[in-house]
Amino acid sequence: MKLYIIPGACSLAVNIALREAGVRFELVRVDGASHKTEDGRDFLAVNPKGYVPALQFHDGQVLTENVAVLQYVADRNPEAALAPPAGTFERYRLMEWLSFINSEVHKGFSPLFSAEATDAVKTFARDRLLRRLDYLQDAVREPHLIGGRFTVADAYLFTVLSWCPEVGLDLGRWPALANYHARIASRHHVRAAVQSEA
C-alpha cells in the first residue's frame, strides 16, 4: 500500500495512523504545485482531485479524504484501538470529532495558506478559526479526544494544530490545546511520522 503525502499537510494524520496501527506502507511524496510524485509520475493519475492524502492499494484502488482514510486504517488493526468498534455510540463520537476537525478546523486554515485569498477573506477565516480553537480549548479536557485512548481523531487534530505557527497563531493562547499538542507530539509513532516528512 502507498500513502501519497505532501510533507506537513493533512496527510501527516494518516502517516501517524498507519504507524500506530502497525500497517506496512510506502510513503510517496507529492509536489503540491506541479502534482508530480518524487519519481516524476503524475499524481493526478492517482487522485484526480489533486490533493492528499491518497492511499493506493496493490490492486490499484485509491481511497481519499482524511475522514474515510483514517477510519479505514483504524479498522485494519482493531487491536490497536485507534477507533471504537463500528456500530457503537463511541464510534459515532469518533465520526463527530473527525467531521468537526475536517470541516471546522482543517478547512479553517485553508484560506490562511492561500496566496489568492484577499486580506478580508483571511481576516474572516482567522476570526472563525479562533472561535473553533476557543471551543477546543474548553472541549479538550481528557488526555485524548475520546476518553483515555489515542484514536485517529487525535492524529488528525495534532496535525492541524501543528499549522498554527505557520499562520502566525500562538498555540500558547490556548493552554489546554498546547498541552494536548505536546502530549501527542511525544508519542513514538507521531515523532517517527513527523521525522519521515522532514
Foldseek 3Di string as FASTA:
>chain_A
DEWEAAALALSLLLLLLLVLLVHDYHYWYADQPQCAIPVGHRVCVLPVVSHDTWDADPVGDIDGDLLVSQVVSCVVHVVSVQAPDPPDVRNVVVSVLVVCCVPQANVLCVLLPDPPRDPVRVVVSVVSNVVVLVVVLVQQDELDNRHPDHHSSLSSLLSSVVCQVVSVHDCVVRVSVVVSNVSVCPDPSSVVSNVVSD
